Structures are given as C-alpha cells and as structure tokens.
Amino acid sequence: MVTQRYSRVAGSFSVAQHPLRRRVDNVEATLMAVLIVMFLVAAPVAAVVAGRAADAAALREQRAEQSWHTVSAILQQDASQGHIGVDGEWGAAFVTAQWRTPAGGVRHGEVAVALNAKAGQRVTEWITGTGQLTRPKLTAGDVRDRVASAALAAVCSLAVLIAVTAIGVRVAAGRRRLAGWARAWRAADPRCSPQR
C-alpha cells in the first residue's frame, strides 16, 4: 500500500512518457519540481539574509542606545490619580514623575507604575542622553529573538510565494487540460460540443 502511494506520488512528478499523459502534464510536473527545488535552495538563503539584516539593524540600535542610562524618578502622584488602561495596560497606572537629566536639568513626564504606587516614591526609568524617557536597552536575548523572527518570517513569506505560484501553475494546467479534453471530445463526437 505504501509502495503504491509512493509510486503514485513519484509518478506525478515524473516526466516519463505515458500514453495518457499530455504535454501539459509534463510541463506541470516539471514546474512543480522546479518550485520545490527553488524553495529548498532559497529558504536557507532567505533565512540567513533576513537574520543578518535583523542583526545589523539591532547592532545599529544598540550603538544608538549607548548613551542611555537609568535614573531614579520621583512620582508626583499616587497611582490612583493616574491614567489606568492606557494602551491596554490594565495592570499599571501612568502618573507624572520628575527626574534629573544628564546635563543637570529637571524633566517631567508620565511613567508606568504599579497600581499601589504612592507619590514621593522612587522608580527606576530609562532615559536617553538628552533626558527623554525611553524603553529599556536591547538585550542579547532581544537581538536573538529579532534575528529568529526575521529568519522565520522570510522563510514563511517565501513558502507563501511559492505556494501561490504552485496554485497558479496547477490552475493554469487544469484549464489547459480541460480545454484539451474538450477539443478531443469535439473531434471524436461533434454532438458533445459545449456550444450547442
């Protein structure tokens, strides 16, 4: 049973001559084999290229983050006075805080804090070299995640592109096959013509 199934699958990709096999069948089998080989060759290349591009982008971002550091910000409000649910953050409140910039000035802005935070409490926040609030620096784990995600996205995009192309080949071959059968039927028996 397994041998029959294997031979049937192998036969669908074979371009050997068979009395019932038409030229369109051979062309379709060849194009499908080419698409499979293209995917097997291009997928690793796409993964490496996308991974390297993501790694280079992360490296540029890490260089830009070198002037970032943490500061101790003082909360100016209780969490109950802040905004809750901003950007879908239901477990945090956004309250006004104050911190010192690297140049010695004072800045104010909204920071996310726990729902039980009190005014006067100190929280650690990341700031840029100019004193603006920012997110934490990229870690090595973040970079690995970005590289893996980019490689996976590239391979998936290539798979979708090749699958859509294969479907197009299959549909075009099916239409060509049906047109050939209709011509053969008309030649054998004109009464079978669909234009009747």
N, C-alpha and C. Protein backbone atom coordinates (compact mmCIF):
# COMPACT_ATOMS: atom_id res chain seq x y z
N MET A 1 0.83 -1.20 0.00
CA MET A 1 0.00 0.00 0.00
C MET A 1 0.87 1.25 0.00
N VAL A 2 1.90 1.25 0.90
CA VAL A 2 2.80 2.40 0.97
C VAL A 2 3.59 2.52 -0.32
N THR A 3 4.00 1.40 -0.89
CA THR A 3 4.76 1.41 -2.13
C THR A 3 3.91 1.97 -3.27
N GLN A 4 2.63 1.60 -3.30
CA GLN A 4 1.74 2.12 -4.35
C GLN A 4 1.59 3.63 -4.21
N ARG A 5 1.40 4.09 -2.98
CA ARG A 5 1.23 5.52 -2.75
C ARG A 5 2.50 6.27 -3.15
N TYR A 6 3.67 5.73 -2.77
CA TYR A 6 4.94 6.36 -3.12
C TYR A 6 5.11 6.42 -4.64
N SER A 7 4.81 5.33 -5.31
CA SER A 7 4.98 5.31 -6.76
C SER A 7 4.00 6.26 -7.44
N ARG A 8 2.80 6.44 -6.87
CA ARG A 8 1.83 7.37 -7.43
C ARG A 8 2.33 8.82 -7.28
N VAL A 9 2.86 9.15 -6.10
CA VAL A 9 3.40 10.50 -5.86
C VAL A 9 4.61 10.74 -6.75
N ALA A 10 5.51 9.76 -6.81
CA ALA A 10 6.70 9.91 -7.67
C ALA A 10 6.29 10.01 -9.13
N GLY A 11 5.27 9.28 -9.52
CA GLY A 11 4.80 9.34 -10.90
C GLY A 11 4.20 10.68 -11.27
N SER A 12 3.62 11.39 -10.27
CA SER A 12 3.04 12.70 -10.58
C SER A 12 4.12 13.73 -10.88
N PHE A 13 5.35 13.50 -10.38
CA PHE A 13 6.46 14.42 -10.67
C PHE A 13 7.34 13.91 -11.80
N SER A 14 7.05 12.76 -12.30
CA SER A 14 7.85 12.18 -13.38
C SER A 14 7.44 12.78 -14.72
N VAL A 15 8.40 12.96 -15.60
CA VAL A 15 8.09 13.47 -16.93
C VAL A 15 8.21 12.37 -17.98
N ALA A 16 8.21 11.11 -17.51
CA ALA A 16 8.30 9.98 -18.44
C ALA A 16 7.05 9.93 -19.30
N GLN A 17 7.20 9.41 -20.50
CA GLN A 17 6.05 9.34 -21.42
C GLN A 17 5.11 8.22 -21.01
N HIS A 18 3.85 8.51 -21.09
CA HIS A 18 2.78 7.58 -20.79
C HIS A 18 1.71 7.85 -21.83
N PRO A 19 1.01 6.84 -22.31
CA PRO A 19 0.05 7.06 -23.39
C PRO A 19 -1.04 8.08 -23.05
N LEU A 20 -1.42 8.19 -21.77
CA LEU A 20 -2.48 9.14 -21.40
C LEU A 20 -1.92 10.47 -20.89
N ARG A 21 -0.62 10.57 -20.81
CA ARG A 21 0.00 11.79 -20.29
C ARG A 21 0.18 12.79 -21.42
N ARG A 22 -0.35 14.01 -21.20
CA ARG A 22 -0.24 15.06 -22.22
C ARG A 22 0.97 15.95 -21.91
N ARG A 23 1.27 16.80 -22.85
CA ARG A 23 2.41 17.70 -22.69
C ARG A 23 2.21 18.62 -21.47
N VAL A 24 0.97 19.08 -21.26
CA VAL A 24 0.69 19.96 -20.14
C VAL A 24 0.98 19.26 -18.80
N ASP A 25 0.77 17.94 -18.74
CA ASP A 25 1.07 17.19 -17.52
C ASP A 25 2.58 17.20 -17.25
N ASN A 26 3.36 17.02 -18.31
CA ASN A 26 4.83 17.04 -18.16
C ASN A 26 5.32 18.43 -17.74
N VAL A 27 4.75 19.46 -18.35
CA VAL A 27 5.15 20.83 -18.01
C VAL A 27 4.79 21.13 -16.55
N GLU A 28 3.59 20.73 -16.14
CA GLU A 28 3.17 20.97 -14.76
C GLU A 28 4.08 20.24 -13.78
N ALA A 29 4.38 18.98 -14.03
CA ALA A 29 5.25 18.21 -13.14
C ALA A 29 6.64 18.84 -13.06
N THR A 30 7.15 19.29 -14.19
CA THR A 30 8.47 19.93 -14.20
C THR A 30 8.46 21.22 -13.40
N LEU A 31 7.42 22.05 -13.60
CA LEU A 31 7.35 23.32 -12.87
C LEU A 31 7.19 23.10 -11.37
N MET A 32 6.41 22.10 -10.99
CA MET A 32 6.26 21.81 -9.55
C MET A 32 7.59 21.36 -8.95
N ALA A 33 8.33 20.52 -9.67
CA ALA A 33 9.64 20.08 -9.19
C ALA A 33 10.60 21.27 -9.07
N VAL A 34 10.55 22.16 -10.04
CA VAL A 34 11.40 23.36 -10.01
C VAL A 34 11.05 24.22 -8.81
N LEU A 35 9.76 24.39 -8.54
CA LEU A 35 9.34 25.20 -7.39
C LEU A 35 9.81 24.59 -6.07
N ILE A 36 9.73 23.28 -5.96
CA ILE A 36 10.20 22.61 -4.73
C ILE A 36 11.71 22.81 -4.56
N VAL A 37 12.46 22.63 -5.63
CA VAL A 37 13.91 22.82 -5.57
C VAL A 37 14.24 24.29 -5.24
N MET A 38 13.48 25.20 -5.86
CA MET A 38 13.70 26.63 -5.56
C MET A 38 13.51 26.91 -4.08
N PHE A 39 12.44 26.35 -3.49
CA PHE A 39 12.20 26.58 -2.07
C PHE A 39 13.33 25.99 -1.23
N LEU A 40 13.75 24.77 -1.55
CA LEU A 40 14.80 24.12 -0.77
C LEU A 40 16.13 24.85 -0.85
N VAL A 41 16.37 25.50 -1.97
CA VAL A 41 17.61 26.27 -2.13
C VAL A 41 17.47 27.67 -1.55
N ALA A 42 16.33 28.32 -1.83
CA ALA A 42 16.17 29.73 -1.45
C ALA A 42 15.81 29.92 0.02
N ALA A 43 15.17 28.95 0.65
CA ALA A 43 14.75 29.13 2.05
C ALA A 43 15.93 29.36 2.98
N PRO A 44 16.98 28.53 2.94
CA PRO A 44 18.12 28.82 3.83
C PRO A 44 18.79 30.16 3.51
N VAL A 45 18.88 30.49 2.23
CA VAL A 45 19.50 31.77 1.84
C VAL A 45 18.66 32.93 2.38
N ALA A 46 17.33 32.85 2.21
CA ALA A 46 16.45 33.91 2.71
C ALA A 46 16.54 34.04 4.22
N ALA A 47 16.62 32.90 4.92
CA ALA A 47 16.72 32.94 6.38
C ALA A 47 18.02 33.62 6.82
N VAL A 48 19.11 33.28 6.17
CA VAL A 48 20.41 33.88 6.53
C VAL A 48 20.43 35.38 6.23
N VAL A 49 19.94 35.75 5.05
CA VAL A 49 19.94 37.18 4.67
C VAL A 49 19.06 37.98 5.62
N ALA A 50 17.86 37.49 5.91
CA ALA A 50 16.95 38.21 6.81
C ALA A 50 17.52 38.27 8.22
N GLY A 51 18.13 37.17 8.67
CA GLY A 51 18.73 37.16 10.00
C GLY A 51 19.88 38.15 10.12
N ARG A 52 20.71 38.20 9.10
CA ARG A 52 21.83 39.16 9.12
C ARG A 52 21.34 40.60 9.07
N ALA A 53 20.29 40.86 8.28
CA ALA A 53 19.73 42.21 8.22
C ALA A 53 19.16 42.62 9.58
N ALA A 54 18.45 41.70 10.23
CA ALA A 54 17.90 42.00 11.56
C ALA A 54 19.01 42.20 12.58
N ASP A 55 20.07 41.40 12.48
CA ASP A 55 21.20 41.54 13.40
C ASP A 55 21.90 42.88 13.20
N ALA A 56 22.08 43.28 11.93
CA ALA A 56 22.72 44.58 11.65
C ALA A 56 21.86 45.73 12.16
N ALA A 57 20.54 45.63 11.98
CA ALA A 57 19.65 46.68 12.47
C ALA A 57 19.71 46.76 14.00
N ALA A 58 19.73 45.61 14.66
CA ALA A 58 19.81 45.59 16.12
C ALA A 58 21.14 46.16 16.59
N LEU A 59 22.22 45.87 15.87
CA LEU A 59 23.53 46.40 16.23
C LEU A 59 23.54 47.93 16.12
N ARG A 60 22.93 48.46 15.05
CA ARG A 60 22.83 49.93 14.91
C ARG A 60 22.01 50.52 16.07
N GLU A 61 20.93 49.82 16.43
CA GLU A 61 20.09 50.29 17.52
C GLU A 61 20.85 50.27 18.84
N GLN A 62 21.65 49.22 19.07
CA GLN A 62 22.43 49.13 20.31
C GLN A 62 23.49 50.24 20.37
N ARG A 63 24.06 50.57 19.22
CA ARG A 63 25.04 51.68 19.21
C ARG A 63 24.36 52.99 19.58
N ALA A 64 23.13 53.19 19.06
CA ALA A 64 22.40 54.42 19.38
C ALA A 64 22.00 54.46 20.85
N GLU A 65 21.87 53.29 21.47
CA GLU A 65 21.44 53.21 22.87
C GLU A 65 22.60 53.36 23.86
N GLN A 66 23.81 53.52 23.39
CA GLN A 66 24.95 53.56 24.31
C GLN A 66 24.89 54.71 25.29
N SER A 67 24.25 55.80 24.91
CA SER A 67 24.16 56.95 25.82
C SER A 67 22.98 56.84 26.78
N TRP A 68 22.17 55.81 26.63
CA TRP A 68 21.02 55.64 27.52
C TRP A 68 21.48 55.12 28.88
N HIS A 69 20.77 55.53 29.92
CA HIS A 69 21.06 55.01 31.25
C HIS A 69 19.81 55.14 32.12
N THR A 70 19.90 54.57 33.31
CA THR A 70 18.75 54.62 34.22
C THR A 70 18.87 55.79 35.16
N VAL A 71 17.72 56.30 35.56
CA VAL A 71 17.66 57.36 36.57
C VAL A 71 16.59 56.98 37.59
N SER A 72 16.68 57.61 38.72
CA SER A 72 15.67 57.43 39.76
C SER A 72 14.68 58.57 39.64
N ALA A 73 13.46 58.23 39.22
CA ALA A 73 12.42 59.24 39.05
C ALA A 73 11.53 59.27 40.29
N ILE A 74 11.10 60.46 40.68
CA ILE A 74 10.24 60.63 41.86
C ILE A 74 8.81 60.83 41.38
N LEU A 75 7.91 60.00 41.87
CA LEU A 75 6.50 60.11 41.47
C LEU A 75 5.87 61.35 42.07
N GLN A 76 5.13 62.08 41.26
CA GLN A 76 4.46 63.30 41.69
C GLN A 76 3.00 63.05 42.06
N GLN A 77 2.49 61.83 41.74
CA GLN A 77 1.10 61.48 42.00
C GLN A 77 1.02 60.05 42.53
N ASP A 78 -0.10 59.77 43.21
CA ASP A 78 -0.42 58.39 43.56
C ASP A 78 -0.91 57.69 42.30
N ALA A 79 -0.81 56.37 42.28
CA ALA A 79 -1.31 55.60 41.14
C ALA A 79 -2.80 55.79 40.93
N SER A 80 -3.53 56.01 42.04
CA SER A 80 -4.99 56.21 41.93
C SER A 80 -5.34 57.49 41.19
N GLN A 81 -4.43 58.45 41.12
CA GLN A 81 -4.68 59.71 40.41
C GLN A 81 -4.23 59.65 38.95
N GLY A 82 -3.55 58.57 38.58
CA GLY A 82 -3.03 58.45 37.21
C GLY A 82 -4.05 57.87 36.24
N HIS A 83 -3.59 57.64 35.05
CA HIS A 83 -4.43 57.06 33.98
C HIS A 83 -4.23 55.55 33.97
N ILE A 84 -5.32 54.83 34.03
CA ILE A 84 -5.27 53.37 34.02
C ILE A 84 -5.85 52.88 32.70
N GLY A 85 -5.26 51.83 32.16
CA GLY A 85 -5.78 51.25 30.92
C GLY A 85 -5.27 51.91 29.66
N VAL A 86 -4.24 52.75 29.76
CA VAL A 86 -3.67 53.39 28.58
C VAL A 86 -2.93 52.33 27.76
N ASP A 87 -3.18 52.27 26.45
CA ASP A 87 -2.56 51.29 25.56
C ASP A 87 -2.81 49.85 26.02
N GLY A 88 -3.94 49.63 26.67
CA GLY A 88 -4.29 48.27 27.09
C GLY A 88 -3.56 47.80 28.33
N GLU A 89 -2.84 48.69 29.02
CA GLU A 89 -2.10 48.32 30.23
C GLU A 89 -3.03 48.45 31.43
N TRP A 90 -3.76 47.40 31.75
CA TRP A 90 -4.70 47.44 32.87
C TRP A 90 -4.03 47.15 34.20
N GLY A 91 -2.82 46.65 34.17
CA GLY A 91 -2.12 46.34 35.42
C GLY A 91 -1.17 47.44 35.85
N ALA A 92 -1.25 48.61 35.20
CA ALA A 92 -0.35 49.71 35.53
C ALA A 92 -1.10 51.03 35.42
N ALA A 93 -0.61 52.00 36.16
CA ALA A 93 -1.15 53.35 36.08
C ALA A 93 -0.05 54.26 35.54
N PHE A 94 -0.45 55.24 34.76
CA PHE A 94 0.51 56.21 34.23
C PHE A 94 0.37 57.49 35.03
N VAL A 95 1.46 57.85 35.73
CA VAL A 95 1.46 59.03 36.60
C VAL A 95 2.62 59.94 36.23
N THR A 96 2.53 61.18 36.68
CA THR A 96 3.59 62.15 36.44
C THR A 96 4.76 61.88 37.39
N ALA A 97 5.96 61.95 36.81
CA ALA A 97 7.18 61.75 37.60
C ALA A 97 8.19 62.84 37.23
N GLN A 98 9.19 63.00 38.06
CA GLN A 98 10.24 64.01 37.84
C GLN A 98 11.59 63.33 37.96
N TRP A 99 12.54 63.70 37.10
CA TRP A 99 13.89 63.12 37.16
C TRP A 99 14.90 64.15 36.67
N ARG A 100 16.16 63.89 36.97
CA ARG A 100 17.24 64.79 36.55
C ARG A 100 17.83 64.29 35.24
N THR A 101 18.15 65.22 34.35
CA THR A 101 18.78 64.90 33.07
C THR A 101 20.29 64.80 33.26
N PRO A 102 21.01 64.21 32.30
CA PRO A 102 22.48 64.15 32.41
C PRO A 102 23.12 65.54 32.49
N ALA A 103 22.46 66.55 31.92
CA ALA A 103 23.01 67.91 31.94
C ALA A 103 22.71 68.62 33.26
N GLY A 104 21.92 68.00 34.14
CA GLY A 104 21.64 68.60 35.44
C GLY A 104 20.27 69.23 35.53
N GLY A 105 19.52 69.29 34.43
CA GLY A 105 18.18 69.88 34.45
C GLY A 105 17.17 68.89 35.02
N VAL A 106 15.94 69.37 35.13
CA VAL A 106 14.85 68.55 35.66
C VAL A 106 13.82 68.35 34.56
N ARG A 107 13.34 67.14 34.43
CA ARG A 107 12.31 66.81 33.42
C ARG A 107 11.11 66.22 34.13
N HIS A 108 9.95 66.35 33.47
CA HIS A 108 8.71 65.75 33.96
C HIS A 108 8.12 64.92 32.82
N GLY A 109 7.43 63.86 33.17
CA GLY A 109 6.77 63.02 32.18
C GLY A 109 5.96 61.94 32.85
N GLU A 110 5.22 61.20 32.05
CA GLU A 110 4.39 60.11 32.58
C GLU A 110 5.14 58.79 32.51
N VAL A 111 5.09 58.05 33.62
CA VAL A 111 5.73 56.75 33.70
C VAL A 111 4.70 55.72 34.15
N ALA A 112 4.92 54.48 33.78
CA ALA A 112 4.04 53.39 34.20
C ALA A 112 4.50 52.88 35.55
N VAL A 113 3.54 52.76 36.48
CA VAL A 113 3.86 52.26 37.82
C VAL A 113 2.81 51.24 38.24
N ALA A 114 3.13 50.51 39.30
CA ALA A 114 2.18 49.55 39.85
C ALA A 114 0.96 50.30 40.40
N LEU A 115 -0.15 49.61 40.50
CA LEU A 115 -1.40 50.25 40.92
C LEU A 115 -1.40 50.68 42.39
N ASN A 116 -0.39 50.25 43.16
CA ASN A 116 -0.32 50.65 44.58
C ASN A 116 0.78 51.68 44.84
N ALA A 117 1.34 52.29 43.79
CA ALA A 117 2.42 53.27 43.95
C ALA A 117 1.88 54.56 44.58
N LYS A 118 2.74 55.19 45.37
CA LYS A 118 2.37 56.42 46.08
C LYS A 118 3.25 57.58 45.64
N ALA A 119 2.73 58.79 45.77
CA ALA A 119 3.50 60.00 45.46
C ALA A 119 4.74 60.04 46.34
N GLY A 120 5.87 60.50 45.77
CA GLY A 120 7.12 60.58 46.51
C GLY A 120 7.97 59.32 46.38
N GLN A 121 7.37 58.25 45.91
CA GLN A 121 8.10 57.00 45.74
C GLN A 121 9.07 57.13 44.58
N ARG A 122 10.22 56.43 44.68
CA ARG A 122 11.21 56.47 43.60
C ARG A 122 11.06 55.22 42.73
N VAL A 123 11.14 55.44 41.40
CA VAL A 123 11.10 54.33 40.44
C VAL A 123 12.27 54.50 39.48
N THR A 124 12.77 53.38 38.97
CA THR A 124 13.88 53.43 38.03
C THR A 124 13.34 53.48 36.61
N GLU A 125 13.81 54.45 35.84
CA GLU A 125 13.37 54.62 34.45
C GLU A 125 14.58 54.78 33.55
N TRP A 126 14.42 54.39 32.29
CA TRP A 126 15.47 54.58 31.28
C TRP A 126 15.27 55.92 30.60
N ILE A 127 16.39 56.66 30.39
CA ILE A 127 16.34 57.91 29.65
C ILE A 127 17.43 57.93 28.59
N THR A 128 17.21 58.77 27.58
CA THR A 128 18.22 58.95 26.53
C THR A 128 19.30 59.90 27.01
N GLY A 129 20.28 60.15 26.17
CA GLY A 129 21.36 61.08 26.51
C GLY A 129 20.86 62.50 26.71
N THR A 130 19.70 62.83 26.14
CA THR A 130 19.14 64.18 26.31
C THR A 130 18.13 64.25 27.44
N GLY A 131 17.87 63.11 28.11
CA GLY A 131 16.97 63.13 29.26
C GLY A 131 15.54 62.71 28.95
N GLN A 132 15.26 62.32 27.73
CA GLN A 132 13.91 61.87 27.37
C GLN A 132 13.67 60.45 27.88
N LEU A 133 12.44 60.19 28.32
CA LEU A 133 12.08 58.82 28.72
C LEU A 133 12.15 57.91 27.52
N THR A 134 12.58 56.68 27.74
CA THR A 134 12.65 55.70 26.66
C THR A 134 12.44 54.31 27.23
N ARG A 135 12.44 53.33 26.36
CA ARG A 135 12.29 51.94 26.78
C ARG A 135 13.65 51.41 27.22
N PRO A 136 13.69 50.23 27.85
CA PRO A 136 14.99 49.65 28.22
C PRO A 136 15.83 49.31 26.99
N LYS A 137 17.14 49.22 27.19
CA LYS A 137 18.05 48.86 26.10
C LYS A 137 17.77 47.46 25.59
N LEU A 138 18.14 47.23 24.33
CA LEU A 138 18.03 45.88 23.77
C LEU A 138 19.00 44.95 24.48
N THR A 139 18.53 43.78 24.82
CA THR A 139 19.40 42.78 25.42
C THR A 139 19.83 41.79 24.34
N ALA A 140 20.78 40.94 24.68
CA ALA A 140 21.22 39.90 23.73
C ALA A 140 20.06 38.98 23.38
N GLY A 141 19.19 38.71 24.35
CA GLY A 141 18.01 37.88 24.11
C GLY A 141 17.05 38.54 23.13
N ASP A 142 16.88 39.87 23.26
CA ASP A 142 16.02 40.61 22.32
C ASP A 142 16.57 40.50 20.90
N VAL A 143 17.88 40.62 20.77
CA VAL A 143 18.51 40.54 19.45
C VAL A 143 18.32 39.15 18.86
N ARG A 144 18.53 38.11 19.67
CA ARG A 144 18.31 36.74 19.19
C ARG A 144 16.87 36.54 18.74
N ASP A 145 15.92 37.07 19.51
CA ASP A 145 14.51 36.95 19.14
C ASP A 145 14.22 37.64 17.82
N ARG A 146 14.79 38.82 17.62
CA ARG A 146 14.58 39.55 16.37
C ARG A 146 15.16 38.81 15.18
N VAL A 147 16.36 38.26 15.36
CA VAL A 147 17.01 37.51 14.28
C VAL A 147 16.19 36.28 13.92
N ALA A 148 15.75 35.54 14.95
CA ALA A 148 14.95 34.33 14.70
C ALA A 148 13.63 34.68 14.05
N SER A 149 12.99 35.74 14.51
CA SER A 149 11.71 36.16 13.92
C SER A 149 11.87 36.57 12.46
N ALA A 150 12.93 37.30 12.17
CA ALA A 150 13.17 37.74 10.79
C ALA A 150 13.44 36.55 9.88
N ALA A 151 14.24 35.59 10.36
CA ALA A 151 14.53 34.40 9.55
C ALA A 151 13.26 33.60 9.31
N LEU A 152 12.46 33.42 10.34
CA LEU A 152 11.21 32.67 10.21
C LEU A 152 10.24 33.38 9.27
N ALA A 153 10.14 34.70 9.40
CA ALA A 153 9.24 35.47 8.52
C ALA A 153 9.69 35.37 7.07
N ALA A 154 10.99 35.39 6.83
CA ALA A 154 11.49 35.28 5.46
C ALA A 154 11.16 33.92 4.85
N VAL A 155 11.36 32.86 5.63
CA VAL A 155 11.06 31.51 5.13
C VAL A 155 9.56 31.35 4.90
N CYS A 156 8.75 31.84 5.82
CA CYS A 156 7.28 31.75 5.66
C CYS A 156 6.81 32.56 4.46
N SER A 157 7.37 33.74 4.26
CA SER A 157 6.99 34.56 3.10
C SER A 157 7.35 33.86 1.80
N LEU A 158 8.54 33.26 1.77
CA LEU A 158 8.96 32.51 0.59
C LEU A 158 8.04 31.32 0.35
N ALA A 159 7.66 30.62 1.42
CA ALA A 159 6.76 29.47 1.29
C ALA A 159 5.41 29.90 0.74
N VAL A 160 4.89 31.02 1.21
CA VAL A 160 3.60 31.52 0.71
C VAL A 160 3.72 31.90 -0.76
N LEU A 161 4.80 32.59 -1.11
CA LEU A 161 5.00 32.98 -2.51
C LEU A 161 5.07 31.76 -3.42
N ILE A 162 5.82 30.75 -3.02
CA ILE A 162 5.95 29.55 -3.85
C ILE A 162 4.63 28.77 -3.88
N ALA A 163 3.92 28.74 -2.76
CA ALA A 163 2.62 28.05 -2.73
C ALA A 163 1.62 28.73 -3.66
N VAL A 164 1.59 30.06 -3.65
CA VAL A 164 0.68 30.79 -4.55
C VAL A 164 1.07 30.53 -6.00
N THR A 165 2.37 30.51 -6.28
CA THR A 165 2.83 30.22 -7.64
C THR A 165 2.43 28.80 -8.04
N ALA A 166 2.60 27.85 -7.12
CA ALA A 166 2.22 26.46 -7.42
C ALA A 166 0.73 26.33 -7.68
N ILE A 167 -0.07 27.05 -6.91
CA ILE A 167 -1.52 27.03 -7.14
C ILE A 167 -1.84 27.61 -8.52
N GLY A 168 -1.16 28.70 -8.87
CA GLY A 168 -1.36 29.29 -10.19
C GLY A 168 -1.00 28.33 -11.30
N VAL A 169 0.12 27.63 -11.15
CA VAL A 169 0.54 26.63 -12.14
C VAL A 169 -0.50 25.52 -12.24
N ARG A 170 -0.96 25.07 -11.09
CA ARG A 170 -1.95 23.98 -11.05
C ARG A 170 -3.26 24.40 -11.73
N VAL A 171 -3.73 25.62 -11.45
CA VAL A 171 -4.97 26.11 -12.05
C VAL A 171 -4.81 26.27 -13.56
N ALA A 172 -3.68 26.88 -13.97
CA ALA A 172 -3.45 27.07 -15.41
C ALA A 172 -3.35 25.73 -16.13
N ALA A 173 -2.66 24.77 -15.52
CA ALA A 173 -2.54 23.45 -16.14
C ALA A 173 -3.89 22.75 -16.19
N GLY A 174 -4.69 22.91 -15.15
CA GLY A 174 -6.03 22.31 -15.14
C GLY A 174 -6.91 22.88 -16.23
N ARG A 175 -6.85 24.19 -16.43
CA ARG A 175 -7.64 24.81 -17.50
C ARG A 175 -7.17 24.33 -18.87
N ARG A 176 -5.86 24.26 -19.01
CA ARG A 176 -5.30 23.79 -20.29
C ARG A 176 -5.70 22.34 -20.55
N ARG A 177 -5.67 21.53 -19.49
CA ARG A 177 -6.05 20.13 -19.60
C ARG A 177 -7.52 19.99 -19.99
N LEU A 178 -8.40 20.77 -19.34
CA LEU A 178 -9.83 20.72 -19.66
C LEU A 178 -10.10 21.18 -21.09
N ALA A 179 -9.38 22.21 -21.53
CA ALA A 179 -9.55 22.67 -22.91
C ALA A 179 -9.12 21.58 -23.89
N GLY A 180 -8.05 20.88 -23.58
CA GLY A 180 -7.59 19.79 -24.44
C GLY A 180 -8.60 18.65 -24.49
N TRP A 181 -9.16 18.33 -23.34
CA TRP A 181 -10.18 17.27 -23.31
C TRP A 181 -11.42 17.67 -24.12
N ALA A 182 -11.81 18.96 -23.99
CA ALA A 182 -12.98 19.43 -24.75
C ALA A 182 -12.71 19.34 -26.25
N ARG A 183 -11.49 19.72 -26.67
CA ARG A 183 -11.14 19.60 -28.10
C ARG A 183 -11.18 18.15 -28.56
N ALA A 184 -10.66 17.26 -27.72
CA ALA A 184 -10.64 15.84 -28.08
C ALA A 184 -12.06 15.28 -28.17
N TRP A 185 -12.94 15.71 -27.26
CA TRP A 185 -14.33 15.25 -27.32
C TRP A 185 -15.03 15.78 -28.58
N ARG A 186 -14.78 17.04 -28.89
CA ARG A 186 -15.40 17.62 -30.10
C ARG A 186 -14.91 16.90 -31.36
N ALA A 187 -13.63 16.56 -31.37
CA ALA A 187 -13.09 15.85 -32.53
C ALA A 187 -13.68 14.45 -32.63
N ALA A 188 -13.89 13.80 -31.49
CA ALA A 188 -14.43 12.44 -31.51
C ALA A 188 -15.93 12.43 -31.78
N ASP A 189 -16.66 13.40 -31.22
CA ASP A 189 -18.12 13.44 -31.39
C ASP A 189 -18.57 14.89 -31.35
N PRO A 190 -18.86 15.50 -32.50
CA PRO A 190 -19.25 16.91 -32.54
C PRO A 190 -20.49 17.22 -31.72
N ARG A 191 -21.31 16.23 -31.42
CA ARG A 191 -22.51 16.48 -30.62
C ARG A 191 -22.18 16.81 -29.17
N CYS A 192 -20.95 16.53 -28.73
CA CYS A 192 -20.55 16.79 -27.35
C CYS A 192 -20.02 18.21 -27.16
N SER A 193 -20.10 19.02 -28.19
CA SER A 193 -19.58 20.38 -28.12
C SER A 193 -20.34 21.19 -27.08
N PRO A 194 -19.65 21.94 -26.21
CA PRO A 194 -20.35 22.73 -25.20
C PRO A 194 -21.08 23.93 -25.78
N GLN A 195 -20.86 24.29 -27.06
CA GLN A 195 -21.53 25.45 -27.64
C GLN A 195 -22.92 25.12 -28.18
N ARG A 196 -23.40 23.92 -28.01
CA ARG A 196 -24.70 23.54 -28.54
C ARG A 196 -25.82 24.29 -27.90
